[in-house]
Amino acid sequence: MLGPPGAGKGTQALRLREDLRLPYIPAGDMLREAVSEGTDLGRLAKEHMEEGNLVPDDVVIGAILERCEAADCRDGFVLDGFPRTIPQAEALESALDDLGRKVTAVLLVEAPDEVVVKRISGRRICKNGHVYHLETDPPTRPDRCDHDDLPLTQREDDRPEKVRRRLQVYHDQTTPLIEYYDERGLLRRFDGTRDPDEVQDHIRATLSTIRLEERL
């Protein structure tokens, strides 16, 4: 799964998990799970994390391979958060090839930057985790939670200037990766500005076509 923050990528990934019964594997969560379970790769990742260093690509890929060999991944899985660069994509492809597996599709959920900024900066949340949006899902009373009457606040990362910075980092990191997968015929694009149900239907139809082509 690829896409900028706020485009709806996470929503569609969770729907894929339910719709196709495929495991959803966010790379960050997968590493934390490996650390929690105390696997060999988890212990290695923990050493780097505790020192404040980035976890090396080979450790991340090792954790991905360890996870995708589980029984529930036999028919496939949805990977999110890795790869982020072309060298990571090449290393992942090589490692999967050794297992007789491959990346079959790269799903890119897109949305213009200003749409993303508007979506994210409009979110408000209470300290108990109830989330609203000032335009699409506003509270009944301004700045108060409908559930517990607590004040609603804007998270620091949701401020427009922070969102634009996150988008710039995304573009810098991911644009070359989009081109890499597009050149290999693996990239599929989806309009994240459309209704989530429409995006879901488009993704479902696309994956069904890919599976059919693989069987022919």
N, C-alpha and C. Protein backbone atom coordinates (compact mmCIF):
# COMPACT_ATOMS: atom_id res chain seq x y z
N MET A 1 0.85 -1.19 0.00
CA MET A 1 0.00 0.00 0.00
C MET A 1 0.89 1.24 0.00
N LEU A 2 0.58 2.17 -0.90
CA LEU A 2 1.26 3.45 -0.93
C LEU A 2 0.22 4.56 -0.92
N GLY A 3 0.63 5.73 -0.44
CA GLY A 3 -0.26 6.88 -0.45
C GLY A 3 0.12 7.86 0.62
N PRO A 4 -0.19 9.13 0.41
CA PRO A 4 0.13 10.14 1.41
C PRO A 4 -0.76 10.02 2.63
N PRO A 5 -0.34 10.60 3.75
CA PRO A 5 -1.22 10.62 4.92
C PRO A 5 -2.50 11.35 4.58
N GLY A 6 -3.64 10.80 5.04
CA GLY A 6 -4.90 11.47 4.81
C GLY A 6 -5.59 11.15 3.50
N ALA A 7 -4.97 10.31 2.65
CA ALA A 7 -5.58 9.97 1.36
C ALA A 7 -6.60 8.85 1.50
N GLY A 8 -6.57 8.15 2.63
CA GLY A 8 -7.50 7.04 2.83
C GLY A 8 -6.86 5.67 2.69
N LYS A 9 -5.54 5.64 2.62
CA LYS A 9 -4.82 4.38 2.47
C LYS A 9 -5.08 3.43 3.63
N GLY A 10 -5.02 3.95 4.85
CA GLY A 10 -5.25 3.10 6.02
C GLY A 10 -6.65 2.53 6.04
N THR A 11 -7.63 3.36 5.69
CA THR A 11 -9.02 2.90 5.63
C THR A 11 -9.16 1.75 4.65
N GLN A 12 -8.58 1.90 3.47
CA GLN A 12 -8.69 0.87 2.44
C GLN A 12 -7.91 -0.39 2.82
N ALA A 13 -6.79 -0.24 3.50
CA ALA A 13 -6.03 -1.41 3.94
C ALA A 13 -6.84 -2.25 4.92
N LEU A 14 -7.52 -1.58 5.85
CA LEU A 14 -8.35 -2.30 6.83
C LEU A 14 -9.54 -2.96 6.15
N ARG A 15 -10.10 -2.31 5.13
CA ARG A 15 -11.20 -2.91 4.39
C ARG A 15 -10.72 -4.13 3.61
N LEU A 16 -9.52 -4.05 3.07
CA LEU A 16 -8.94 -5.20 2.36
C LEU A 16 -8.81 -6.39 3.30
N ARG A 17 -8.37 -6.11 4.51
CA ARG A 17 -8.21 -7.19 5.49
C ARG A 17 -9.53 -7.90 5.74
N GLU A 18 -10.61 -7.12 5.84
CA GLU A 18 -11.91 -7.71 6.09
C GLU A 18 -12.50 -8.32 4.82
N ASP A 19 -12.33 -7.63 3.70
CA ASP A 19 -12.96 -8.04 2.46
C ASP A 19 -12.34 -9.30 1.88
N LEU A 20 -11.02 -9.36 1.87
CA LEU A 20 -10.32 -10.48 1.24
C LEU A 20 -9.73 -11.45 2.25
N ARG A 21 -9.91 -11.14 3.54
CA ARG A 21 -9.36 -11.98 4.61
C ARG A 21 -7.85 -12.18 4.44
N LEU A 22 -7.19 -11.08 4.11
CA LEU A 22 -5.73 -11.09 4.00
C LEU A 22 -5.14 -10.36 5.20
N PRO A 23 -4.06 -10.87 5.77
CA PRO A 23 -3.43 -10.17 6.89
C PRO A 23 -2.91 -8.80 6.46
N TYR A 24 -3.15 -7.80 7.29
CA TYR A 24 -2.63 -6.45 7.06
C TYR A 24 -1.40 -6.28 7.93
N ILE A 25 -0.26 -5.99 7.29
CA ILE A 25 1.02 -5.96 8.00
C ILE A 25 1.65 -4.57 7.89
N PRO A 26 1.32 -3.65 8.79
CA PRO A 26 2.05 -2.38 8.83
C PRO A 26 3.46 -2.66 9.37
N ALA A 27 4.47 -2.21 8.65
CA ALA A 27 5.85 -2.56 9.00
C ALA A 27 6.20 -2.16 10.44
N GLY A 28 5.76 -0.97 10.85
CA GLY A 28 6.08 -0.53 12.21
C GLY A 28 5.45 -1.41 13.26
N ASP A 29 4.16 -1.75 13.07
CA ASP A 29 3.48 -2.62 14.03
C ASP A 29 4.11 -4.00 14.05
N MET A 30 4.52 -4.48 12.87
CA MET A 30 5.13 -5.80 12.77
C MET A 30 6.43 -5.87 13.57
N LEU A 31 7.23 -4.81 13.48
CA LEU A 31 8.47 -4.78 14.25
C LEU A 31 8.19 -4.76 15.75
N ARG A 32 7.20 -3.94 16.14
CA ARG A 32 6.87 -3.87 17.57
C ARG A 32 6.35 -5.22 18.06
N GLU A 33 5.61 -5.93 17.21
CA GLU A 33 5.12 -7.25 17.58
C GLU A 33 6.26 -8.24 17.74
N ALA A 34 7.24 -8.17 16.84
CA ALA A 34 8.40 -9.06 16.93
C ALA A 34 9.19 -8.78 18.21
N VAL A 35 9.30 -7.51 18.57
CA VAL A 35 9.99 -7.14 19.81
C VAL A 35 9.22 -7.67 21.01
N SER A 36 7.91 -7.49 20.99
CA SER A 36 7.06 -7.94 22.10
C SER A 36 7.12 -9.45 22.28
N GLU A 37 7.18 -10.19 21.15
CA GLU A 37 7.20 -11.65 21.23
C GLU A 37 8.59 -12.19 21.52
N GLY A 38 9.60 -11.32 21.45
CA GLY A 38 10.96 -11.74 21.79
C GLY A 38 11.61 -12.67 20.78
N THR A 39 11.22 -12.55 19.50
CA THR A 39 11.87 -13.37 18.48
C THR A 39 13.31 -12.90 18.29
N ASP A 40 14.11 -13.70 17.59
CA ASP A 40 15.51 -13.32 17.36
C ASP A 40 15.57 -11.98 16.63
N LEU A 41 14.74 -11.82 15.59
CA LEU A 41 14.73 -10.56 14.86
C LEU A 41 14.20 -9.43 15.73
N GLY A 42 13.22 -9.76 16.58
CA GLY A 42 12.68 -8.75 17.49
C GLY A 42 13.73 -8.23 18.45
N ARG A 43 14.56 -9.15 18.97
CA ARG A 43 15.63 -8.72 19.89
C ARG A 43 16.65 -7.85 19.17
N LEU A 44 16.94 -8.21 17.90
CA LEU A 44 17.90 -7.43 17.13
C LEU A 44 17.33 -6.04 16.84
N ALA A 45 16.05 -5.99 16.48
CA ALA A 45 15.42 -4.70 16.22
C ALA A 45 15.39 -3.85 17.48
N LYS A 46 15.12 -4.49 18.62
CA LYS A 46 15.03 -3.76 19.89
C LYS A 46 16.35 -3.07 20.23
N GLU A 47 17.47 -3.73 19.93
CA GLU A 47 18.77 -3.12 20.21
C GLU A 47 18.92 -1.80 19.47
N HIS A 48 18.52 -1.79 18.20
CA HIS A 48 18.64 -0.55 17.41
C HIS A 48 17.64 0.50 17.91
N MET A 49 16.44 0.07 18.24
CA MET A 49 15.42 1.02 18.69
C MET A 49 15.81 1.67 20.01
N GLU A 50 16.36 0.87 20.92
CA GLU A 50 16.73 1.41 22.22
C GLU A 50 17.88 2.39 22.13
N GLU A 51 18.70 2.23 21.09
CA GLU A 51 19.83 3.15 20.89
C GLU A 51 19.41 4.38 20.09
N GLY A 52 18.13 4.41 19.69
CA GLY A 52 17.63 5.56 18.95
C GLY A 52 18.00 5.55 17.48
N ASN A 53 18.40 4.38 16.96
CA ASN A 53 18.79 4.27 15.56
C ASN A 53 17.67 3.68 14.73
N LEU A 54 17.71 3.95 13.41
CA LEU A 54 16.78 3.32 12.50
C LEU A 54 17.08 1.83 12.44
N VAL A 55 16.05 1.03 12.35
CA VAL A 55 16.24 -0.41 12.22
C VAL A 55 16.74 -0.69 10.80
N PRO A 56 17.87 -1.38 10.64
CA PRO A 56 18.42 -1.64 9.30
C PRO A 56 17.44 -2.37 8.39
N ASP A 57 17.57 -2.12 7.10
CA ASP A 57 16.65 -2.72 6.13
C ASP A 57 16.63 -4.23 6.21
N ASP A 58 17.82 -4.85 6.41
CA ASP A 58 17.84 -6.32 6.41
C ASP A 58 17.07 -6.89 7.60
N VAL A 59 17.05 -6.15 8.70
CA VAL A 59 16.28 -6.61 9.87
C VAL A 59 14.79 -6.49 9.59
N VAL A 60 14.39 -5.36 8.98
CA VAL A 60 12.97 -5.16 8.65
C VAL A 60 12.51 -6.23 7.67
N ILE A 61 13.32 -6.47 6.63
CA ILE A 61 12.95 -7.48 5.64
C ILE A 61 12.90 -8.86 6.28
N GLY A 62 13.83 -9.13 7.17
CA GLY A 62 13.81 -10.41 7.87
C GLY A 62 12.53 -10.59 8.66
N ALA A 63 12.08 -9.53 9.30
CA ALA A 63 10.84 -9.60 10.08
C ALA A 63 9.64 -9.80 9.15
N ILE A 64 9.66 -9.14 7.99
CA ILE A 64 8.58 -9.30 7.01
C ILE A 64 8.53 -10.74 6.53
N LEU A 65 9.70 -11.31 6.19
CA LEU A 65 9.74 -12.69 5.70
C LEU A 65 9.28 -13.66 6.78
N GLU A 66 9.69 -13.38 8.02
CA GLU A 66 9.27 -14.22 9.14
C GLU A 66 7.76 -14.19 9.27
N ARG A 67 7.17 -13.01 9.12
CA ARG A 67 5.72 -12.87 9.24
C ARG A 67 4.98 -13.51 8.06
N CYS A 68 5.50 -13.33 6.83
CA CYS A 68 4.76 -13.80 5.67
C CYS A 68 4.84 -15.31 5.50
N GLU A 69 5.69 -15.97 6.29
CA GLU A 69 5.74 -17.43 6.25
C GLU A 69 4.69 -18.06 7.18
N ALA A 70 3.98 -17.23 7.94
CA ALA A 70 2.92 -17.74 8.81
C ALA A 70 1.77 -18.29 7.98
N ALA A 71 1.01 -19.20 8.58
CA ALA A 71 -0.06 -19.89 7.84
C ALA A 71 -1.09 -18.93 7.28
N ASP A 72 -1.40 -17.85 8.02
CA ASP A 72 -2.46 -16.95 7.55
C ASP A 72 -2.03 -16.10 6.35
N CYS A 73 -0.74 -16.13 6.01
CA CYS A 73 -0.23 -15.37 4.86
C CYS A 73 -0.07 -16.23 3.62
N ARG A 74 -0.54 -17.47 3.70
CA ARG A 74 -0.32 -18.40 2.60
C ARG A 74 -0.90 -17.88 1.28
N ASP A 75 -2.07 -17.24 1.35
CA ASP A 75 -2.73 -16.75 0.14
C ASP A 75 -2.41 -15.29 -0.16
N GLY A 76 -1.52 -14.70 0.63
CA GLY A 76 -1.13 -13.32 0.38
C GLY A 76 -1.24 -12.47 1.63
N PHE A 77 -0.77 -11.24 1.54
CA PHE A 77 -0.83 -10.30 2.65
C PHE A 77 -0.71 -8.90 2.10
N VAL A 78 -1.13 -7.93 2.91
CA VAL A 78 -1.07 -6.52 2.53
C VAL A 78 0.03 -5.86 3.37
N LEU A 79 1.04 -5.34 2.70
CA LEU A 79 2.19 -4.74 3.38
C LEU A 79 2.09 -3.22 3.30
N ASP A 80 2.32 -2.55 4.43
CA ASP A 80 2.21 -1.10 4.50
C ASP A 80 3.40 -0.54 5.27
N GLY A 81 3.97 0.55 4.77
CA GLY A 81 5.07 1.20 5.48
C GLY A 81 6.45 0.72 5.07
N PHE A 82 6.53 -0.22 4.17
CA PHE A 82 7.79 -0.73 3.65
C PHE A 82 7.49 -1.44 2.35
N PRO A 83 8.30 -1.21 1.29
CA PRO A 83 9.48 -0.36 1.23
C PRO A 83 9.14 1.12 1.09
N ARG A 84 10.12 1.95 1.40
CA ARG A 84 9.97 3.39 1.25
C ARG A 84 10.96 3.97 0.25
N THR A 85 11.96 3.19 -0.13
CA THR A 85 12.98 3.63 -1.09
C THR A 85 13.20 2.54 -2.12
N ILE A 86 13.84 2.88 -3.23
CA ILE A 86 14.12 1.90 -4.27
C ILE A 86 15.06 0.81 -3.77
N PRO A 87 16.16 1.12 -3.05
CA PRO A 87 17.00 0.03 -2.53
C PRO A 87 16.22 -0.93 -1.64
N GLN A 88 15.29 -0.40 -0.84
CA GLN A 88 14.46 -1.28 0.00
C GLN A 88 13.57 -2.15 -0.87
N ALA A 89 13.00 -1.58 -1.93
CA ALA A 89 12.14 -2.35 -2.84
C ALA A 89 12.94 -3.47 -3.51
N GLU A 90 14.16 -3.17 -3.93
CA GLU A 90 15.00 -4.17 -4.58
C GLU A 90 15.38 -5.28 -3.61
N ALA A 91 15.71 -4.90 -2.39
CA ALA A 91 16.08 -5.91 -1.38
C ALA A 91 14.89 -6.78 -1.02
N LEU A 92 13.70 -6.18 -0.90
CA LEU A 92 12.50 -6.95 -0.60
C LEU A 92 12.18 -7.92 -1.73
N GLU A 93 12.29 -7.45 -2.96
CA GLU A 93 12.01 -8.30 -4.12
C GLU A 93 12.95 -9.50 -4.15
N SER A 94 14.22 -9.27 -3.88
CA SER A 94 15.20 -10.35 -3.88
C SER A 94 14.91 -11.37 -2.78
N ALA A 95 14.57 -10.86 -1.59
CA ALA A 95 14.30 -11.76 -0.46
C ALA A 95 13.04 -12.59 -0.71
N LEU A 96 12.00 -11.97 -1.25
CA LEU A 96 10.77 -12.71 -1.55
C LEU A 96 11.01 -13.74 -2.65
N ASP A 97 11.85 -13.37 -3.62
CA ASP A 97 12.16 -14.29 -4.71
C ASP A 97 12.80 -15.57 -4.19
N ASP A 98 13.63 -15.44 -3.16
CA ASP A 98 14.27 -16.62 -2.56
C ASP A 98 13.24 -17.57 -1.95
N LEU A 99 12.07 -17.03 -1.59
CA LEU A 99 11.00 -17.84 -1.01
C LEU A 99 9.99 -18.29 -2.07
N GLY A 100 10.26 -17.93 -3.33
CA GLY A 100 9.33 -18.27 -4.38
C GLY A 100 8.08 -17.41 -4.36
N ARG A 101 8.19 -16.22 -3.81
CA ARG A 101 7.05 -15.31 -3.73
C ARG A 101 7.41 -13.99 -4.41
N LYS A 102 6.41 -13.14 -4.61
CA LYS A 102 6.67 -11.87 -5.28
C LYS A 102 5.60 -10.85 -4.91
N VAL A 103 5.93 -9.59 -5.17
CA VAL A 103 4.95 -8.51 -5.04
C VAL A 103 4.06 -8.58 -6.28
N THR A 104 2.76 -8.72 -6.09
CA THR A 104 1.85 -8.85 -7.23
C THR A 104 1.18 -7.54 -7.60
N ALA A 105 1.07 -6.61 -6.67
CA ALA A 105 0.44 -5.33 -6.97
C ALA A 105 0.86 -4.29 -5.95
N VAL A 106 0.99 -3.06 -6.41
CA VAL A 106 1.26 -1.93 -5.53
C VAL A 106 0.08 -0.98 -5.67
N LEU A 107 -0.67 -0.82 -4.59
CA LEU A 107 -1.89 -0.02 -4.61
C LEU A 107 -1.60 1.38 -4.10
N LEU A 108 -1.73 2.37 -4.97
CA LEU A 108 -1.45 3.76 -4.63
C LEU A 108 -2.76 4.53 -4.50
N VAL A 109 -3.10 4.94 -3.28
CA VAL A 109 -4.29 5.76 -3.04
C VAL A 109 -3.82 7.21 -3.02
N GLU A 110 -4.31 7.99 -3.99
CA GLU A 110 -3.81 9.36 -4.18
C GLU A 110 -4.85 10.41 -3.77
N ALA A 111 -4.34 11.57 -3.38
CA ALA A 111 -5.18 12.74 -3.13
C ALA A 111 -4.30 13.98 -3.22
N PRO A 112 -4.80 15.08 -3.78
CA PRO A 112 -4.01 16.31 -3.86
C PRO A 112 -3.62 16.81 -2.48
N ASP A 113 -2.49 17.47 -2.41
CA ASP A 113 -1.98 17.95 -1.11
C ASP A 113 -3.00 18.79 -0.36
N GLU A 114 -3.67 19.71 -1.05
CA GLU A 114 -4.60 20.60 -0.35
C GLU A 114 -5.80 19.83 0.21
N VAL A 115 -6.21 18.77 -0.48
CA VAL A 115 -7.28 17.92 0.05
C VAL A 115 -6.81 17.23 1.32
N VAL A 116 -5.59 16.73 1.29
CA VAL A 116 -5.02 16.06 2.46
C VAL A 116 -4.91 17.03 3.64
N VAL A 117 -4.41 18.23 3.38
CA VAL A 117 -4.26 19.23 4.45
C VAL A 117 -5.63 19.55 5.06
N LYS A 118 -6.63 19.72 4.21
CA LYS A 118 -7.98 20.04 4.68
C LYS A 118 -8.55 18.89 5.52
N ARG A 119 -8.34 17.67 5.06
CA ARG A 119 -8.86 16.50 5.78
C ARG A 119 -8.23 16.38 7.16
N ILE A 120 -6.91 16.44 7.20
CA ILE A 120 -6.21 16.18 8.45
C ILE A 120 -6.35 17.35 9.42
N SER A 121 -6.22 18.58 8.92
CA SER A 121 -6.26 19.75 9.82
C SER A 121 -7.66 19.99 10.37
N GLY A 122 -8.68 19.37 9.76
CA GLY A 122 -10.04 19.52 10.26
C GLY A 122 -10.40 18.55 11.37
N ARG A 123 -9.49 17.64 11.70
CA ARG A 123 -9.79 16.66 12.75
C ARG A 123 -9.70 17.29 14.13
N ARG A 124 -10.61 16.86 14.99
CA ARG A 124 -10.57 17.25 16.39
C ARG A 124 -10.81 16.00 17.24
N ILE A 125 -10.20 15.94 18.41
CA ILE A 125 -10.26 14.73 19.23
C ILE A 125 -10.37 15.11 20.70
N CYS A 126 -11.10 14.31 21.46
CA CYS A 126 -11.14 14.50 22.91
C CYS A 126 -10.14 13.56 23.55
N LYS A 127 -9.86 13.75 24.82
CA LYS A 127 -8.80 12.96 25.45
C LYS A 127 -9.18 11.49 25.60
N ASN A 128 -10.46 11.16 25.42
CA ASN A 128 -10.89 9.76 25.47
C ASN A 128 -10.86 9.09 24.10
N GLY A 129 -10.38 9.85 23.08
CA GLY A 129 -10.18 9.25 21.77
C GLY A 129 -11.32 9.38 20.78
N HIS A 130 -12.38 10.12 21.11
CA HIS A 130 -13.47 10.32 20.16
C HIS A 130 -13.04 11.35 19.12
N VAL A 131 -13.19 10.99 17.84
CA VAL A 131 -12.67 11.82 16.75
C VAL A 131 -13.81 12.44 15.95
N TYR A 132 -13.64 13.71 15.59
CA TYR A 132 -14.60 14.43 14.76
C TYR A 132 -13.86 15.11 13.62
N HIS A 133 -14.63 15.59 12.65
CA HIS A 133 -14.07 16.45 11.61
C HIS A 133 -14.97 17.67 11.49
N LEU A 134 -14.37 18.84 11.43
CA LEU A 134 -15.14 20.08 11.46
C LEU A 134 -16.12 20.20 10.29
N GLU A 135 -15.83 19.54 9.16
CA GLU A 135 -16.72 19.65 8.00
C GLU A 135 -17.53 18.39 7.77
N THR A 136 -16.89 17.23 7.81
CA THR A 136 -17.58 16.00 7.42
C THR A 136 -18.26 15.28 8.58
N ASP A 137 -17.81 15.52 9.81
CA ASP A 137 -18.41 14.85 10.97
C ASP A 137 -18.28 15.75 12.20
N PRO A 138 -18.93 16.91 12.18
CA PRO A 138 -18.75 17.88 13.26
C PRO A 138 -19.50 17.46 14.52
N PRO A 139 -19.03 17.93 15.68
CA PRO A 139 -19.77 17.69 16.93
C PRO A 139 -21.03 18.52 16.96
N THR A 140 -21.97 18.13 17.78
CA THR A 140 -23.23 18.88 17.90
C THR A 140 -22.98 20.28 18.44
N ARG A 141 -22.09 20.37 19.44
CA ARG A 141 -21.72 21.65 20.03
C ARG A 141 -20.27 21.95 19.70
N PRO A 142 -19.98 23.16 19.27
CA PRO A 142 -18.61 23.49 18.88
C PRO A 142 -17.60 23.22 20.00
N ASP A 143 -16.55 22.52 19.65
CA ASP A 143 -15.41 22.29 20.54
C ASP A 143 -15.72 21.44 21.77
N ARG A 144 -16.87 20.72 21.76
CA ARG A 144 -17.19 19.82 22.88
C ARG A 144 -17.56 18.45 22.32
N CYS A 145 -17.10 17.41 23.01
CA CYS A 145 -17.39 16.05 22.59
C CYS A 145 -18.84 15.68 22.89
N ASP A 146 -19.50 15.06 21.91
CA ASP A 146 -20.89 14.65 22.10
C ASP A 146 -21.02 13.52 23.11
N HIS A 147 -19.96 12.73 23.29
CA HIS A 147 -20.04 11.54 24.14
C HIS A 147 -19.81 11.84 25.62
N ASP A 148 -18.82 12.69 25.90
CA ASP A 148 -18.46 12.89 27.30
C ASP A 148 -18.30 14.37 27.69
N ASP A 149 -18.67 15.27 26.78
CA ASP A 149 -18.65 16.71 27.05
C ASP A 149 -17.25 17.25 27.34
N LEU A 150 -16.22 16.51 26.94
CA LEU A 150 -14.84 16.98 27.12
C LEU A 150 -14.47 17.93 25.99
N PRO A 151 -13.53 18.84 26.22
CA PRO A 151 -13.12 19.75 25.15
C PRO A 151 -12.42 19.00 24.02
N LEU A 152 -12.62 19.48 22.81
CA LEU A 152 -11.98 18.91 21.63
C LEU A 152 -10.75 19.73 21.29
N THR A 153 -9.69 19.05 20.93
CA THR A 153 -8.44 19.73 20.59
C THR A 153 -7.92 19.22 19.26
N GLN A 154 -6.98 19.97 18.72
CA GLN A 154 -6.31 19.57 17.49
C GLN A 154 -4.92 19.04 17.84
N ARG A 155 -4.63 17.82 17.39
CA ARG A 155 -3.31 17.26 17.66
C ARG A 155 -2.24 18.09 16.96
N GLU A 156 -1.08 18.16 17.57
CA GLU A 156 0.01 18.97 17.02
C GLU A 156 0.36 18.56 15.59
N ASP A 157 0.39 17.24 15.34
CA ASP A 157 0.74 16.75 14.01
C ASP A 157 -0.33 17.04 12.97
N ASP A 158 -1.53 17.45 13.42
CA ASP A 158 -2.62 17.73 12.50
C ASP A 158 -2.68 19.19 12.08
N ARG A 159 -1.80 20.02 12.61
CA ARG A 159 -1.80 21.43 12.22
C ARG A 159 -1.33 21.55 10.77
N PRO A 160 -1.91 22.48 10.01
CA PRO A 160 -1.62 22.56 8.56
C PRO A 160 -0.14 22.59 8.22
N GLU A 161 0.65 23.36 8.97
CA GLU A 161 2.08 23.44 8.64
C GLU A 161 2.79 22.11 8.85
N LYS A 162 2.36 21.35 9.86
CA LYS A 162 2.95 20.04 10.12
C LYS A 162 2.52 19.04 9.04
N VAL A 163 1.28 19.14 8.61
CA VAL A 163 0.79 18.24 7.57
C VAL A 163 1.55 18.48 6.27
N ARG A 164 1.78 19.74 5.94
CA ARG A 164 2.53 20.05 4.71
C ARG A 164 3.95 19.52 4.78
N ARG A 165 4.54 19.58 5.96
CA ARG A 165 5.89 19.04 6.12
C ARG A 165 5.88 17.52 5.94
N ARG A 166 4.90 16.85 6.51
CA ARG A 166 4.79 15.39 6.35
C ARG A 166 4.59 15.03 4.88
N LEU A 167 3.81 15.85 4.17
CA LEU A 167 3.58 15.59 2.75
C LEU A 167 4.86 15.77 1.95
N GLN A 168 5.67 16.77 2.29
CA GLN A 168 6.92 16.98 1.58
C GLN A 168 7.85 15.79 1.76
N VAL A 169 7.92 15.29 2.99
CA VAL A 169 8.75 14.10 3.26
C VAL A 169 8.23 12.91 2.45
N TYR A 170 6.91 12.76 2.42
CA TYR A 170 6.32 11.66 1.64
C TYR A 170 6.71 11.77 0.17
N HIS A 171 6.55 12.96 -0.40
CA HIS A 171 6.87 13.13 -1.81
C HIS A 171 8.35 12.87 -2.09
N ASP A 172 9.21 13.36 -1.21
CA ASP A 172 10.66 13.17 -1.41
C ASP A 172 11.03 11.69 -1.38
N GLN A 173 10.41 10.96 -0.47
CA GLN A 173 10.76 9.54 -0.30
C GLN A 173 10.09 8.65 -1.33
N THR A 174 8.84 8.96 -1.64
CA THR A 174 8.02 7.98 -2.33
C THR A 174 7.92 8.17 -3.84
N THR A 175 8.10 9.38 -4.35
CA THR A 175 7.98 9.59 -5.79
C THR A 175 8.87 8.65 -6.61
N PRO A 176 10.15 8.49 -6.26
CA PRO A 176 10.97 7.54 -7.01
C PRO A 176 10.45 6.10 -6.93
N LEU A 177 9.88 5.74 -5.78
CA LEU A 177 9.36 4.38 -5.60
C LEU A 177 8.11 4.17 -6.46
N ILE A 178 7.28 5.20 -6.58
CA ILE A 178 6.10 5.11 -7.46
C ILE A 178 6.54 4.87 -8.90
N GLU A 179 7.54 5.60 -9.35
CA GLU A 179 8.04 5.43 -10.71
C GLU A 179 8.65 4.04 -10.89
N TYR A 180 9.34 3.55 -9.87
CA TYR A 180 9.98 2.23 -9.92
C TYR A 180 8.93 1.14 -10.16
N TYR A 181 7.85 1.17 -9.39
CA TYR A 181 6.82 0.14 -9.54
C TYR A 181 5.98 0.35 -10.79
N ASP A 182 5.80 1.60 -11.19
CA ASP A 182 5.05 1.88 -12.41
C ASP A 182 5.77 1.30 -13.62
N GLU A 183 7.08 1.46 -13.67
CA GLU A 183 7.87 0.93 -14.79
C GLU A 183 7.81 -0.59 -14.86
N ARG A 184 7.54 -1.25 -13.73
CA ARG A 184 7.47 -2.71 -13.70
C ARG A 184 6.05 -3.23 -13.88
N GLY A 185 5.13 -2.33 -14.13
CA GLY A 185 3.76 -2.73 -14.39
C GLY A 185 3.00 -3.20 -13.16
N LEU A 186 3.50 -2.86 -11.97
CA LEU A 186 2.86 -3.32 -10.73
C LEU A 186 1.95 -2.27 -10.10
N LEU A 187 2.12 -1.02 -10.50
CA LEU A 187 1.41 0.07 -9.83
C LEU A 187 -0.04 0.17 -10.30
N ARG A 188 -0.94 0.30 -9.35
CA ARG A 188 -2.34 0.55 -9.63
C ARG A 188 -2.75 1.80 -8.85
N ARG A 189 -3.37 2.76 -9.53
CA ARG A 189 -3.71 4.04 -8.93
C ARG A 189 -5.20 4.12 -8.58
N PHE A 190 -5.50 4.74 -7.44
CA PHE A 190 -6.88 4.88 -6.99
C PHE A 190 -7.09 6.31 -6.50
N ASP A 191 -8.25 6.86 -6.81
CA ASP A 191 -8.58 8.25 -6.48
C ASP A 191 -9.11 8.33 -5.05
N GLY A 192 -8.24 8.78 -4.13
CA GLY A 192 -8.62 8.86 -2.73
C GLY A 192 -9.59 9.97 -2.41
N THR A 193 -9.94 10.82 -3.40
CA THR A 193 -10.92 11.88 -3.14
C THR A 193 -12.34 11.37 -3.32
N ARG A 194 -12.49 10.17 -3.87
CA ARG A 194 -13.83 9.62 -4.09
C ARG A 194 -14.35 8.98 -2.81
N ASP A 195 -15.63 8.64 -2.82
CA ASP A 195 -16.24 8.00 -1.67
C ASP A 195 -15.48 6.71 -1.33
N PRO A 196 -15.22 6.45 -0.04
CA PRO A 196 -14.46 5.24 0.33
C PRO A 196 -15.04 3.95 -0.22
N ASP A 197 -16.37 3.87 -0.33
CA ASP A 197 -16.99 2.66 -0.88
C ASP A 197 -16.63 2.48 -2.35
N GLU A 198 -16.58 3.59 -3.09
CA GLU A 198 -16.21 3.52 -4.50
C GLU A 198 -14.75 3.09 -4.65
N VAL A 199 -13.89 3.64 -3.79
CA VAL A 199 -12.47 3.26 -3.84
C VAL A 199 -12.32 1.77 -3.52
N GLN A 200 -13.07 1.32 -2.53
CA GLN A 200 -13.02 -0.09 -2.16
C GLN A 200 -13.45 -0.98 -3.32
N ASP A 201 -14.53 -0.61 -4.00
CA ASP A 201 -15.01 -1.39 -5.13
C ASP A 201 -13.96 -1.43 -6.25
N HIS A 202 -13.31 -0.30 -6.48
CA HIS A 202 -12.27 -0.23 -7.52
C HIS A 202 -11.10 -1.14 -7.17
N ILE A 203 -10.68 -1.11 -5.91
CA ILE A 203 -9.57 -1.96 -5.48
C ILE A 203 -9.96 -3.43 -5.59
N ARG A 204 -11.18 -3.76 -5.15
CA ARG A 204 -11.64 -5.14 -5.20
C ARG A 204 -11.64 -5.65 -6.64
N ALA A 205 -12.16 -4.85 -7.57
CA ALA A 205 -12.21 -5.26 -8.97
C ALA A 205 -10.81 -5.41 -9.56
N THR A 206 -9.91 -4.50 -9.18
CA THR A 206 -8.54 -4.56 -9.68
C THR A 206 -7.84 -5.83 -9.22
N LEU A 207 -7.96 -6.16 -7.94
CA LEU A 207 -7.30 -7.35 -7.42
C LEU A 207 -7.91 -8.63 -7.99
N SER A 208 -9.20 -8.62 -8.23
CA SER A 208 -9.85 -9.79 -8.84
C SER A 208 -9.30 -10.02 -10.24
N THR A 209 -9.10 -8.93 -10.99
CA THR A 209 -8.54 -9.04 -12.34
C THR A 209 -7.12 -9.57 -12.30
N ILE A 210 -6.33 -9.08 -11.36
CA ILE A 210 -4.94 -9.54 -11.24
C ILE A 210 -4.90 -11.02 -10.92
N ARG A 211 -5.74 -11.47 -10.00
CA ARG A 211 -5.77 -12.89 -9.64
C ARG A 211 -6.20 -13.75 -10.81
N LEU A 212 -7.17 -13.27 -11.58
CA LEU A 212 -7.63 -14.00 -12.75
C LEU A 212 -6.51 -14.13 -13.78
N GLU A 213 -5.79 -13.05 -14.00
CA GLU A 213 -4.69 -13.07 -14.96
C GLU A 213 -3.59 -14.03 -14.53
N GLU A 214 -3.36 -14.15 -13.21
CA GLU A 214 -2.32 -15.05 -12.72
C GLU A 214 -2.69 -16.52 -12.97
N ARG A 215 -3.99 -16.80 -12.99
CA ARG A 215 -4.43 -18.19 -13.17
C ARG A 215 -4.42 -18.60 -14.64
N LEU A 216 -4.46 -17.62 -15.56
CA LEU A 216 -4.53 -17.91 -17.00
C LEU A 216 -3.15 -18.31 -17.55
